[in-house]
Amino acid sequence: MTSEPVRPAGGRATVTSPRRAEILAAAAELFARRGFHGASIGDVGRAVGLTGPALYRHFRGKEAVLAEMLLDISERLRAEGARRAADPDPARALDALLRWHIAFALDNPALITVHERELDNVPEPQRHQIRRLQRAYVEEWVGVLRRMRPDAPPPEDRARAAVHACFGLLNSTPYSAAAVDRSAMGDLLYAMARAALHQVS
């Protein structure tokens, strides 16, 4: 993933401070393992060698850590999705989207788990932003799928349902990837998702 700031249209820059990124990564692991309510802000601080008061210099509290974590990755997915979907060749665009999302899913199982379980614990304003960014990311995929068949594009609702189903497959990595070599799992996910999406009509 890029270390450069990404600023999607209408969004804020993603996290660039190495220390903040370290805190978010540690919090993701803790929240995935113990649950949001099972890990304290002190636990997060200790994971990165900070006391509670020192951690408050970076984040106002545990809800702010969770919100920043999910906003950051939602913005990065949206920005990178838009970049890859912009390829004028829809087959290349779909290939690029699949490879990007598969790499994310294999490298970030804790983030996937936290998003799946803890989004409702994000304060409403940030939760609304996260959902808006996620919808925009889905629509990038929908647009590419419909361009794959210019003479008879699949209905938008059908393409959207297919994308959500594909994400269900790709985001299964916290449960499906542990016993399989990363490269082999990546190839398997790519083959399965590509075959499924190519059936959309």
N, C-alpha and C. Protein backbone atom coordinates (compact mmCIF):
# COMPACT_ATOMS: atom_id res chain seq x y z
N MET A 1 0.84 -1.18 0.00
CA MET A 1 0.00 0.00 0.00
C MET A 1 0.88 1.24 0.00
N THR A 2 0.39 2.29 -0.64
CA THR A 2 1.19 3.48 -0.76
C THR A 2 1.36 4.19 0.58
N SER A 3 2.53 4.80 0.79
CA SER A 3 2.74 5.61 1.98
C SER A 3 2.46 7.07 1.71
N GLU A 4 2.16 7.40 0.47
CA GLU A 4 1.84 8.78 0.13
C GLU A 4 0.41 9.08 0.55
N PRO A 5 0.12 10.35 0.92
CA PRO A 5 -1.25 10.69 1.28
C PRO A 5 -2.17 10.55 0.08
N VAL A 6 -3.36 10.05 0.31
CA VAL A 6 -4.37 9.90 -0.73
C VAL A 6 -5.55 10.77 -0.36
N ARG A 7 -6.03 11.58 -1.26
CA ARG A 7 -7.14 12.45 -0.94
C ARG A 7 -8.26 12.22 -1.95
N PRO A 8 -9.19 11.30 -1.67
CA PRO A 8 -10.30 11.08 -2.57
C PRO A 8 -11.16 12.33 -2.65
N ALA A 9 -11.92 12.43 -3.75
CA ALA A 9 -12.83 13.57 -3.90
C ALA A 9 -13.76 13.62 -2.71
N GLY A 10 -13.84 14.79 -2.06
CA GLY A 10 -14.75 14.96 -0.95
C GLY A 10 -14.26 14.36 0.35
N GLY A 11 -13.05 13.82 0.38
CA GLY A 11 -12.56 13.17 1.60
C GLY A 11 -11.36 13.88 2.16
N ARG A 12 -10.88 13.38 3.31
CA ARG A 12 -9.69 13.94 3.92
C ARG A 12 -8.49 13.07 3.55
N ALA A 13 -7.31 13.57 3.77
CA ALA A 13 -6.12 12.77 3.49
C ALA A 13 -6.07 11.58 4.43
N THR A 14 -5.55 10.47 3.96
CA THR A 14 -5.40 9.31 4.82
C THR A 14 -4.24 9.53 5.77
N VAL A 15 -4.13 8.64 6.76
CA VAL A 15 -3.13 8.77 7.79
C VAL A 15 -1.73 8.70 7.18
N THR A 16 -0.86 9.66 7.54
CA THR A 16 0.51 9.66 7.03
C THR A 16 1.53 9.55 8.15
N SER A 17 1.16 9.89 9.40
CA SER A 17 2.08 9.81 10.52
C SER A 17 2.42 8.36 10.82
N PRO A 18 3.70 7.99 10.80
CA PRO A 18 4.06 6.60 11.11
C PRO A 18 3.59 6.17 12.50
N ARG A 19 3.64 7.09 13.48
CA ARG A 19 3.23 6.73 14.83
C ARG A 19 1.73 6.46 14.89
N ARG A 20 0.94 7.29 14.24
CA ARG A 20 -0.51 7.06 14.22
C ARG A 20 -0.83 5.76 13.49
N ALA A 21 -0.13 5.50 12.40
CA ALA A 21 -0.35 4.25 11.66
C ALA A 21 0.00 3.05 12.53
N GLU A 22 1.07 3.17 13.33
CA GLU A 22 1.46 2.08 14.23
C GLU A 22 0.37 1.84 15.28
N ILE A 23 -0.18 2.91 15.82
CA ILE A 23 -1.25 2.78 16.82
C ILE A 23 -2.47 2.12 16.20
N LEU A 24 -2.84 2.54 15.01
CA LEU A 24 -4.02 1.96 14.35
C LEU A 24 -3.81 0.47 14.05
N ALA A 25 -2.62 0.10 13.62
CA ALA A 25 -2.35 -1.31 13.32
C ALA A 25 -2.44 -2.15 14.59
N ALA A 26 -1.87 -1.64 15.68
CA ALA A 26 -1.93 -2.37 16.95
C ALA A 26 -3.37 -2.48 17.44
N ALA A 27 -4.13 -1.40 17.31
CA ALA A 27 -5.53 -1.42 17.74
C ALA A 27 -6.35 -2.40 16.92
N ALA A 28 -6.08 -2.47 15.62
CA ALA A 28 -6.81 -3.42 14.77
C ALA A 28 -6.60 -4.84 15.26
N GLU A 29 -5.37 -5.18 15.59
CA GLU A 29 -5.09 -6.54 16.08
C GLU A 29 -5.79 -6.79 17.41
N LEU A 30 -5.76 -5.81 18.29
CA LEU A 30 -6.41 -5.99 19.60
C LEU A 30 -7.92 -6.08 19.46
N PHE A 31 -8.51 -5.19 18.67
CA PHE A 31 -9.97 -5.21 18.51
C PHE A 31 -10.43 -6.49 17.82
N ALA A 32 -9.64 -6.98 16.89
CA ALA A 32 -10.00 -8.23 16.20
C ALA A 32 -9.94 -9.41 17.16
N ARG A 33 -8.95 -9.40 18.04
CA ARG A 33 -8.74 -10.53 18.94
C ARG A 33 -9.68 -10.49 20.14
N ARG A 34 -9.87 -9.31 20.72
CA ARG A 34 -10.63 -9.20 21.98
C ARG A 34 -11.99 -8.55 21.81
N GLY A 35 -12.24 -7.93 20.66
CA GLY A 35 -13.45 -7.13 20.50
C GLY A 35 -13.20 -5.71 20.95
N PHE A 36 -13.96 -4.77 20.41
CA PHE A 36 -13.80 -3.35 20.74
C PHE A 36 -13.97 -3.11 22.23
N HIS A 37 -14.97 -3.75 22.83
CA HIS A 37 -15.25 -3.53 24.25
C HIS A 37 -14.32 -4.34 25.16
N GLY A 38 -13.59 -5.28 24.58
CA GLY A 38 -12.70 -6.10 25.38
C GLY A 38 -11.27 -5.58 25.44
N ALA A 39 -10.98 -4.51 24.71
CA ALA A 39 -9.65 -3.91 24.72
C ALA A 39 -9.78 -2.45 25.16
N SER A 40 -8.98 -2.04 26.09
CA SER A 40 -9.04 -0.67 26.60
C SER A 40 -8.07 0.22 25.84
N ILE A 41 -8.24 1.53 26.01
CA ILE A 41 -7.30 2.46 25.40
C ILE A 41 -5.91 2.26 25.98
N GLY A 42 -5.85 1.83 27.26
CA GLY A 42 -4.56 1.50 27.87
C GLY A 42 -3.90 0.31 27.20
N ASP A 43 -4.72 -0.70 26.83
CA ASP A 43 -4.18 -1.86 26.13
C ASP A 43 -3.57 -1.44 24.80
N VAL A 44 -4.24 -0.55 24.10
CA VAL A 44 -3.73 -0.06 22.82
C VAL A 44 -2.40 0.66 23.03
N GLY A 45 -2.36 1.52 24.04
CA GLY A 45 -1.13 2.24 24.32
C GLY A 45 0.03 1.31 24.65
N ARG A 46 -0.24 0.33 25.53
CA ARG A 46 0.83 -0.60 25.91
C ARG A 46 1.35 -1.38 24.72
N ALA A 47 0.48 -1.68 23.75
CA ALA A 47 0.90 -2.44 22.57
C ALA A 47 1.94 -1.70 21.74
N VAL A 48 1.97 -0.37 21.87
CA VAL A 48 2.94 0.43 21.10
C VAL A 48 3.89 1.18 22.03
N GLY A 49 3.91 0.80 23.32
CA GLY A 49 4.86 1.40 24.25
C GLY A 49 4.50 2.79 24.72
N LEU A 50 3.20 3.10 24.75
CA LEU A 50 2.75 4.41 25.21
C LEU A 50 1.88 4.26 26.45
N THR A 51 1.96 5.23 27.35
CA THR A 51 1.03 5.29 28.46
C THR A 51 -0.30 5.87 27.97
N GLY A 52 -1.35 5.71 28.76
CA GLY A 52 -2.64 6.27 28.38
C GLY A 52 -2.58 7.75 28.05
N PRO A 53 -2.01 8.60 28.97
CA PRO A 53 -1.94 10.03 28.66
C PRO A 53 -1.17 10.33 27.38
N ALA A 54 -0.11 9.58 27.12
CA ALA A 54 0.67 9.82 25.90
C ALA A 54 -0.14 9.47 24.66
N LEU A 55 -0.96 8.41 24.77
CA LEU A 55 -1.79 8.01 23.62
C LEU A 55 -2.83 9.08 23.31
N TYR A 56 -3.31 9.78 24.34
CA TYR A 56 -4.32 10.82 24.12
C TYR A 56 -3.77 12.01 23.34
N ARG A 57 -2.46 12.10 23.22
CA ARG A 57 -1.90 13.15 22.36
C ARG A 57 -2.13 12.83 20.89
N HIS A 58 -2.40 11.56 20.59
CA HIS A 58 -2.64 11.15 19.21
C HIS A 58 -4.13 10.97 18.91
N PHE A 59 -4.89 10.46 19.86
CA PHE A 59 -6.33 10.19 19.67
C PHE A 59 -7.10 10.59 20.92
N ARG A 60 -8.31 11.08 20.72
CA ARG A 60 -9.13 11.53 21.85
C ARG A 60 -9.62 10.37 22.70
N GLY A 61 -9.70 9.17 22.12
CA GLY A 61 -10.20 8.03 22.87
C GLY A 61 -10.33 6.83 21.96
N LYS A 62 -10.88 5.76 22.52
CA LYS A 62 -10.95 4.50 21.79
C LYS A 62 -11.87 4.60 20.58
N GLU A 63 -12.99 5.32 20.71
CA GLU A 63 -13.89 5.49 19.56
C GLU A 63 -13.20 6.23 18.43
N ALA A 64 -12.37 7.20 18.78
CA ALA A 64 -11.64 7.95 17.74
C ALA A 64 -10.64 7.05 17.02
N VAL A 65 -10.02 6.13 17.76
CA VAL A 65 -9.10 5.17 17.13
C VAL A 65 -9.85 4.30 16.13
N LEU A 66 -10.99 3.76 16.55
CA LEU A 66 -11.78 2.90 15.67
C LEU A 66 -12.27 3.66 14.44
N ALA A 67 -12.76 4.88 14.65
CA ALA A 67 -13.26 5.67 13.53
C ALA A 67 -12.16 5.98 12.54
N GLU A 68 -11.00 6.39 13.04
CA GLU A 68 -9.87 6.71 12.16
C GLU A 68 -9.43 5.48 11.37
N MET A 69 -9.40 4.34 12.05
CA MET A 69 -8.97 3.09 11.43
C MET A 69 -9.85 2.75 10.23
N LEU A 70 -11.16 2.78 10.42
CA LEU A 70 -12.07 2.36 9.36
C LEU A 70 -12.24 3.43 8.29
N LEU A 71 -12.15 4.71 8.68
CA LEU A 71 -12.17 5.77 7.68
C LEU A 71 -10.94 5.70 6.78
N ASP A 72 -9.80 5.48 7.39
CA ASP A 72 -8.55 5.45 6.64
C ASP A 72 -8.58 4.37 5.56
N ILE A 73 -8.96 3.16 5.94
CA ILE A 73 -8.92 2.09 4.95
C ILE A 73 -10.05 2.25 3.93
N SER A 74 -11.20 2.78 4.36
CA SER A 74 -12.29 3.00 3.40
C SER A 74 -11.88 4.03 2.35
N GLU A 75 -11.17 5.06 2.76
CA GLU A 75 -10.71 6.07 1.82
C GLU A 75 -9.65 5.50 0.87
N ARG A 76 -8.76 4.69 1.41
CA ARG A 76 -7.72 4.10 0.54
C ARG A 76 -8.32 3.13 -0.47
N LEU A 77 -9.27 2.33 -0.04
CA LEU A 77 -9.94 1.43 -0.97
C LEU A 77 -10.66 2.22 -2.06
N ARG A 78 -11.37 3.26 -1.65
CA ARG A 78 -12.12 4.07 -2.62
C ARG A 78 -11.18 4.74 -3.63
N ALA A 79 -10.10 5.32 -3.13
CA ALA A 79 -9.18 6.02 -4.03
C ALA A 79 -8.49 5.06 -4.98
N GLU A 80 -8.00 3.94 -4.45
CA GLU A 80 -7.30 2.98 -5.32
C GLU A 80 -8.28 2.30 -6.25
N GLY A 81 -9.50 2.04 -5.77
CA GLY A 81 -10.51 1.47 -6.64
C GLY A 81 -10.82 2.37 -7.82
N ALA A 82 -10.96 3.67 -7.56
CA ALA A 82 -11.23 4.62 -8.64
C ALA A 82 -10.08 4.66 -9.64
N ARG A 83 -8.87 4.61 -9.14
CA ARG A 83 -7.70 4.65 -10.03
C ARG A 83 -7.67 3.44 -10.94
N ARG A 84 -7.91 2.27 -10.38
CA ARG A 84 -7.83 1.04 -11.17
C ARG A 84 -9.02 0.89 -12.11
N ALA A 85 -10.19 1.32 -11.65
CA ALA A 85 -11.38 1.21 -12.49
C ALA A 85 -11.33 2.16 -13.68
N ALA A 86 -10.47 3.17 -13.63
CA ALA A 86 -10.39 4.15 -14.72
C ALA A 86 -9.71 3.61 -15.97
N ASP A 87 -9.11 2.42 -15.90
CA ASP A 87 -8.49 1.84 -17.10
C ASP A 87 -9.56 1.72 -18.19
N PRO A 88 -9.29 2.24 -19.39
CA PRO A 88 -10.31 2.17 -20.45
C PRO A 88 -10.67 0.76 -20.88
N ASP A 89 -9.79 -0.20 -20.62
CA ASP A 89 -10.08 -1.60 -20.93
C ASP A 89 -10.74 -2.23 -19.71
N PRO A 90 -12.04 -2.56 -19.76
CA PRO A 90 -12.71 -3.07 -18.56
C PRO A 90 -12.15 -4.40 -18.06
N ALA A 91 -11.63 -5.23 -18.96
CA ALA A 91 -11.05 -6.50 -18.52
C ALA A 91 -9.80 -6.25 -17.68
N ARG A 92 -8.98 -5.30 -18.13
CA ARG A 92 -7.79 -4.95 -17.34
C ARG A 92 -8.20 -4.30 -16.02
N ALA A 93 -9.23 -3.46 -16.08
CA ALA A 93 -9.70 -2.79 -14.86
C ALA A 93 -10.19 -3.81 -13.84
N LEU A 94 -10.96 -4.79 -14.29
CA LEU A 94 -11.45 -5.81 -13.37
C LEU A 94 -10.29 -6.62 -12.78
N ASP A 95 -9.34 -6.97 -13.61
CA ASP A 95 -8.16 -7.71 -13.14
C ASP A 95 -7.43 -6.90 -12.07
N ALA A 96 -7.27 -5.59 -12.30
CA ALA A 96 -6.55 -4.74 -11.35
C ALA A 96 -7.33 -4.60 -10.04
N LEU A 97 -8.65 -4.47 -10.13
CA LEU A 97 -9.46 -4.37 -8.92
C LEU A 97 -9.37 -5.66 -8.11
N LEU A 98 -9.47 -6.79 -8.78
CA LEU A 98 -9.39 -8.07 -8.08
C LEU A 98 -8.04 -8.22 -7.38
N ARG A 99 -6.98 -7.93 -8.07
CA ARG A 99 -5.65 -8.13 -7.48
C ARG A 99 -5.43 -7.18 -6.31
N TRP A 100 -5.92 -5.95 -6.43
CA TRP A 100 -5.80 -4.99 -5.32
C TRP A 100 -6.58 -5.47 -4.11
N HIS A 101 -7.83 -5.86 -4.30
CA HIS A 101 -8.66 -6.23 -3.15
C HIS A 101 -8.17 -7.54 -2.52
N ILE A 102 -7.71 -8.47 -3.34
CA ILE A 102 -7.19 -9.72 -2.80
C ILE A 102 -5.94 -9.46 -1.95
N ALA A 103 -5.05 -8.62 -2.42
CA ALA A 103 -3.86 -8.29 -1.64
C ALA A 103 -4.26 -7.64 -0.32
N PHE A 104 -5.22 -6.73 -0.37
CA PHE A 104 -5.70 -6.10 0.86
C PHE A 104 -6.28 -7.14 1.82
N ALA A 105 -7.11 -8.03 1.30
CA ALA A 105 -7.78 -9.02 2.14
C ALA A 105 -6.79 -9.98 2.77
N LEU A 106 -5.76 -10.35 2.04
CA LEU A 106 -4.76 -11.27 2.59
C LEU A 106 -3.85 -10.59 3.60
N ASP A 107 -3.59 -9.31 3.40
CA ASP A 107 -2.65 -8.60 4.27
C ASP A 107 -3.31 -7.98 5.50
N ASN A 108 -4.64 -7.87 5.51
CA ASN A 108 -5.33 -7.14 6.58
C ASN A 108 -6.51 -7.90 7.17
N PRO A 109 -6.34 -9.15 7.56
CA PRO A 109 -7.48 -9.87 8.11
C PRO A 109 -8.05 -9.23 9.38
N ALA A 110 -7.18 -8.60 10.19
CA ALA A 110 -7.68 -7.96 11.41
C ALA A 110 -8.62 -6.80 11.07
N LEU A 111 -8.26 -5.99 10.07
CA LEU A 111 -9.13 -4.89 9.67
C LEU A 111 -10.48 -5.39 9.16
N ILE A 112 -10.47 -6.47 8.40
CA ILE A 112 -11.72 -7.04 7.91
C ILE A 112 -12.59 -7.48 9.07
N THR A 113 -11.98 -8.14 10.05
CA THR A 113 -12.73 -8.60 11.22
C THR A 113 -13.30 -7.43 12.00
N VAL A 114 -12.49 -6.40 12.21
CA VAL A 114 -12.96 -5.24 12.97
C VAL A 114 -14.10 -4.55 12.24
N HIS A 115 -13.97 -4.37 10.94
CA HIS A 115 -15.05 -3.73 10.20
C HIS A 115 -16.34 -4.54 10.30
N GLU A 116 -16.23 -5.84 10.14
CA GLU A 116 -17.41 -6.70 10.16
C GLU A 116 -18.12 -6.66 11.51
N ARG A 117 -17.35 -6.60 12.59
CA ARG A 117 -17.93 -6.70 13.94
C ARG A 117 -18.21 -5.37 14.61
N GLU A 118 -17.41 -4.34 14.28
CA GLU A 118 -17.40 -3.16 15.14
C GLU A 118 -17.85 -1.86 14.49
N LEU A 119 -18.30 -1.90 13.25
CA LEU A 119 -18.68 -0.65 12.59
C LEU A 119 -19.75 0.11 13.38
N ASP A 120 -20.65 -0.61 14.02
CA ASP A 120 -21.72 0.05 14.77
C ASP A 120 -21.20 0.81 15.98
N ASN A 121 -19.96 0.57 16.39
CA ASN A 121 -19.38 1.31 17.51
C ASN A 121 -18.70 2.61 17.09
N VAL A 122 -18.65 2.87 15.79
CA VAL A 122 -18.12 4.14 15.29
C VAL A 122 -19.19 5.21 15.46
N PRO A 123 -18.83 6.39 15.95
CA PRO A 123 -19.82 7.48 16.07
C PRO A 123 -20.51 7.76 14.74
N GLU A 124 -21.76 8.18 14.79
CA GLU A 124 -22.60 8.30 13.60
C GLU A 124 -22.00 9.14 12.47
N PRO A 125 -21.45 10.33 12.74
CA PRO A 125 -20.93 11.11 11.59
C PRO A 125 -19.87 10.36 10.80
N GLN A 126 -18.94 9.74 11.52
CA GLN A 126 -17.87 8.99 10.83
C GLN A 126 -18.42 7.70 10.21
N ARG A 127 -19.39 7.07 10.87
CA ARG A 127 -19.98 5.85 10.30
C ARG A 127 -20.67 6.17 8.98
N HIS A 128 -21.32 7.31 8.91
CA HIS A 128 -21.96 7.74 7.66
C HIS A 128 -20.92 7.93 6.56
N GLN A 129 -19.78 8.55 6.91
CA GLN A 129 -18.71 8.74 5.92
C GLN A 129 -18.17 7.40 5.44
N ILE A 130 -17.97 6.48 6.37
CA ILE A 130 -17.43 5.17 6.00
C ILE A 130 -18.37 4.46 5.04
N ARG A 131 -19.66 4.47 5.33
CA ARG A 131 -20.63 3.81 4.46
C ARG A 131 -20.69 4.49 3.09
N ARG A 132 -20.57 5.81 3.07
CA ARG A 132 -20.58 6.52 1.79
C ARG A 132 -19.37 6.13 0.94
N LEU A 133 -18.21 6.06 1.57
CA LEU A 133 -17.00 5.66 0.85
C LEU A 133 -17.09 4.23 0.35
N GLN A 134 -17.66 3.37 1.17
CA GLN A 134 -17.79 1.96 0.77
C GLN A 134 -18.75 1.81 -0.40
N ARG A 135 -19.85 2.57 -0.37
CA ARG A 135 -20.78 2.53 -1.51
C ARG A 135 -20.10 3.00 -2.78
N ALA A 136 -19.29 4.04 -2.66
CA ALA A 136 -18.58 4.56 -3.84
C ALA A 136 -17.60 3.51 -4.38
N TYR A 137 -16.95 2.79 -3.48
CA TYR A 137 -16.01 1.73 -3.90
C TYR A 137 -16.76 0.63 -4.64
N VAL A 138 -17.90 0.21 -4.12
CA VAL A 138 -18.72 -0.79 -4.80
C VAL A 138 -19.11 -0.31 -6.19
N GLU A 139 -19.49 0.96 -6.31
CA GLU A 139 -19.94 1.47 -7.61
C GLU A 139 -18.82 1.48 -8.64
N GLU A 140 -17.57 1.61 -8.22
CA GLU A 140 -16.46 1.49 -9.17
C GLU A 140 -16.47 0.10 -9.81
N TRP A 141 -16.66 -0.92 -9.01
CA TRP A 141 -16.72 -2.29 -9.51
C TRP A 141 -17.95 -2.48 -10.40
N VAL A 142 -19.07 -1.94 -9.98
CA VAL A 142 -20.31 -2.08 -10.76
C VAL A 142 -20.11 -1.48 -12.15
N GLY A 143 -19.50 -0.30 -12.20
CA GLY A 143 -19.27 0.33 -13.50
C GLY A 143 -18.39 -0.51 -14.40
N VAL A 144 -17.35 -1.12 -13.84
CA VAL A 144 -16.47 -1.96 -14.64
C VAL A 144 -17.21 -3.20 -15.14
N LEU A 145 -17.99 -3.84 -14.27
CA LEU A 145 -18.74 -5.02 -14.69
C LEU A 145 -19.69 -4.70 -15.84
N ARG A 146 -20.34 -3.56 -15.78
CA ARG A 146 -21.29 -3.19 -16.83
C ARG A 146 -20.57 -2.85 -18.13
N ARG A 147 -19.35 -2.31 -18.03
CA ARG A 147 -18.58 -2.02 -19.24
C ARG A 147 -18.05 -3.28 -19.90
N MET A 148 -17.99 -4.37 -19.13
CA MET A 148 -17.51 -5.63 -19.71
C MET A 148 -18.43 -6.11 -20.83
N ARG A 149 -19.70 -5.73 -20.77
CA ARG A 149 -20.68 -6.16 -21.78
C ARG A 149 -21.37 -4.92 -22.36
N PRO A 150 -20.68 -4.17 -23.19
CA PRO A 150 -21.23 -2.89 -23.68
C PRO A 150 -22.52 -3.04 -24.47
N ASP A 151 -22.71 -4.18 -25.15
CA ASP A 151 -23.92 -4.35 -25.95
C ASP A 151 -25.13 -4.74 -25.10
N ALA A 152 -24.87 -5.41 -23.99
CA ALA A 152 -25.98 -5.84 -23.11
C ALA A 152 -25.49 -5.85 -21.67
N PRO A 153 -25.25 -4.65 -21.09
CA PRO A 153 -24.73 -4.60 -19.72
C PRO A 153 -25.73 -5.18 -18.73
N PRO A 154 -25.25 -5.86 -17.69
CA PRO A 154 -26.16 -6.39 -16.69
C PRO A 154 -26.86 -5.25 -15.96
N PRO A 155 -28.07 -5.45 -15.49
CA PRO A 155 -28.75 -4.41 -14.71
C PRO A 155 -27.89 -4.01 -13.51
N GLU A 156 -27.98 -2.75 -13.13
CA GLU A 156 -27.15 -2.25 -12.05
C GLU A 156 -27.37 -3.03 -10.75
N ASP A 157 -28.62 -3.35 -10.44
CA ASP A 157 -28.86 -4.04 -9.18
C ASP A 157 -28.25 -5.45 -9.19
N ARG A 158 -28.26 -6.10 -10.35
CA ARG A 158 -27.66 -7.43 -10.45
C ARG A 158 -26.14 -7.34 -10.34
N ALA A 159 -25.55 -6.37 -11.02
CA ALA A 159 -24.10 -6.19 -10.94
C ALA A 159 -23.69 -5.84 -9.51
N ARG A 160 -24.47 -5.01 -8.84
CA ARG A 160 -24.17 -4.62 -7.45
C ARG A 160 -24.25 -5.83 -6.52
N ALA A 161 -25.26 -6.65 -6.71
CA ALA A 161 -25.39 -7.86 -5.89
C ALA A 161 -24.20 -8.78 -6.11
N ALA A 162 -23.75 -8.88 -7.35
CA ALA A 162 -22.59 -9.72 -7.66
C ALA A 162 -21.33 -9.20 -6.99
N VAL A 163 -21.16 -7.88 -6.97
CA VAL A 163 -19.98 -7.29 -6.33
C VAL A 163 -20.00 -7.58 -4.83
N HIS A 164 -21.15 -7.40 -4.20
CA HIS A 164 -21.24 -7.68 -2.76
C HIS A 164 -20.94 -9.16 -2.48
N ALA A 165 -21.44 -10.04 -3.33
CA ALA A 165 -21.17 -11.47 -3.15
C ALA A 165 -19.67 -11.75 -3.32
N CYS A 166 -19.05 -11.09 -4.29
CA CYS A 166 -17.61 -11.24 -4.51
C CYS A 166 -16.83 -10.77 -3.28
N PHE A 167 -17.23 -9.64 -2.71
CA PHE A 167 -16.56 -9.15 -1.51
C PHE A 167 -16.70 -10.15 -0.36
N GLY A 168 -17.86 -10.80 -0.27
CA GLY A 168 -18.03 -11.81 0.76
C GLY A 168 -16.99 -12.92 0.62
N LEU A 169 -16.72 -13.32 -0.62
CA LEU A 169 -15.70 -14.33 -0.87
C LEU A 169 -14.31 -13.81 -0.53
N LEU A 170 -13.97 -12.64 -1.06
CA LEU A 170 -12.62 -12.12 -0.87
C LEU A 170 -12.34 -11.78 0.59
N ASN A 171 -13.36 -11.30 1.30
CA ASN A 171 -13.18 -10.89 2.69
C ASN A 171 -13.31 -12.05 3.67
N SER A 172 -13.32 -13.27 3.15
CA SER A 172 -13.37 -14.45 4.02
C SER A 172 -12.00 -14.81 4.57
N THR A 173 -10.97 -14.05 4.22
CA THR A 173 -9.60 -14.43 4.57
C THR A 173 -9.34 -14.62 6.07
N PRO A 174 -10.01 -13.88 6.97
CA PRO A 174 -9.74 -14.18 8.39
C PRO A 174 -10.08 -15.61 8.77
N TYR A 175 -10.93 -16.26 7.98
CA TYR A 175 -11.37 -17.62 8.29
C TYR A 175 -10.82 -18.65 7.29
N SER A 176 -10.59 -18.23 6.07
CA SER A 176 -10.29 -19.19 5.01
C SER A 176 -8.81 -19.33 4.68
N ALA A 177 -7.99 -18.34 5.06
CA ALA A 177 -6.62 -18.30 4.53
C ALA A 177 -5.56 -18.85 5.47
N ALA A 178 -5.92 -19.16 6.69
CA ALA A 178 -4.90 -19.50 7.69
C ALA A 178 -4.08 -20.74 7.32
N ALA A 179 -4.72 -21.72 6.70
CA ALA A 179 -4.03 -23.00 6.47
C ALA A 179 -3.43 -23.12 5.08
N VAL A 180 -3.49 -22.03 4.29
CA VAL A 180 -3.04 -22.09 2.90
C VAL A 180 -1.94 -21.05 2.68
N ASP A 181 -0.94 -21.42 1.91
CA ASP A 181 0.12 -20.49 1.54
C ASP A 181 -0.48 -19.24 0.92
N ARG A 182 0.11 -18.06 1.24
CA ARG A 182 -0.47 -16.79 0.80
C ARG A 182 -0.61 -16.72 -0.72
N SER A 183 0.44 -17.10 -1.42
CA SER A 183 0.41 -17.04 -2.88
C SER A 183 -0.67 -17.96 -3.45
N ALA A 184 -0.75 -19.18 -2.91
CA ALA A 184 -1.76 -20.13 -3.39
C ALA A 184 -3.16 -19.63 -3.08
N MET A 185 -3.34 -19.03 -1.89
CA MET A 185 -4.66 -18.51 -1.53
C MET A 185 -5.03 -17.34 -2.44
N GLY A 186 -4.06 -16.50 -2.75
CA GLY A 186 -4.32 -15.40 -3.66
C GLY A 186 -4.76 -15.88 -5.03
N ASP A 187 -4.09 -16.90 -5.53
CA ASP A 187 -4.46 -17.46 -6.84
C ASP A 187 -5.86 -18.07 -6.79
N LEU A 188 -6.16 -18.75 -5.69
CA LEU A 188 -7.47 -19.38 -5.56
C LEU A 188 -8.58 -18.34 -5.51
N LEU A 189 -8.39 -17.31 -4.70
CA LEU A 189 -9.41 -16.26 -4.61
C LEU A 189 -9.59 -15.56 -5.95
N TYR A 190 -8.48 -15.30 -6.64
CA TYR A 190 -8.57 -14.63 -7.94
C TYR A 190 -9.36 -15.48 -8.93
N ALA A 191 -9.03 -16.77 -9.01
CA ALA A 191 -9.71 -17.64 -9.97
C ALA A 191 -11.20 -17.75 -9.66
N MET A 192 -11.54 -17.90 -8.39
CA MET A 192 -12.94 -18.04 -8.02
C MET A 192 -13.74 -16.77 -8.27
N ALA A 193 -13.17 -15.63 -7.83
CA ALA A 193 -13.89 -14.36 -7.98
C ALA A 193 -14.01 -13.97 -9.45
N ARG A 194 -12.94 -14.15 -10.21
CA ARG A 194 -12.98 -13.78 -11.63
C ARG A 194 -14.00 -14.62 -12.37
N ALA A 195 -14.01 -15.91 -12.09
CA ALA A 195 -14.98 -16.79 -12.77
C ALA A 195 -16.41 -16.39 -12.41
N ALA A 196 -16.64 -16.06 -11.15
CA ALA A 196 -17.99 -15.68 -10.73
C ALA A 196 -18.43 -14.37 -11.39
N LEU A 197 -17.56 -13.38 -11.41
CA LEU A 197 -17.93 -12.08 -11.96
C LEU A 197 -18.12 -12.13 -13.46
N HIS A 198 -17.39 -13.01 -14.14
CA HIS A 198 -17.55 -13.12 -15.57
C HIS A 198 -18.88 -13.79 -15.97
N GLN A 199 -19.57 -14.33 -14.97
CA GLN A 199 -20.89 -14.94 -15.26
C GLN A 199 -22.03 -13.93 -15.12
N VAL A 200 -21.74 -12.75 -14.66
CA VAL A 200 -22.80 -11.75 -14.43
C VAL A 200 -23.35 -11.28 -15.76
N SER A 201 -24.66 -11.36 -15.90
CA SER A 201 -25.29 -10.91 -17.16
C SER A 201 -26.69 -10.45 -16.87
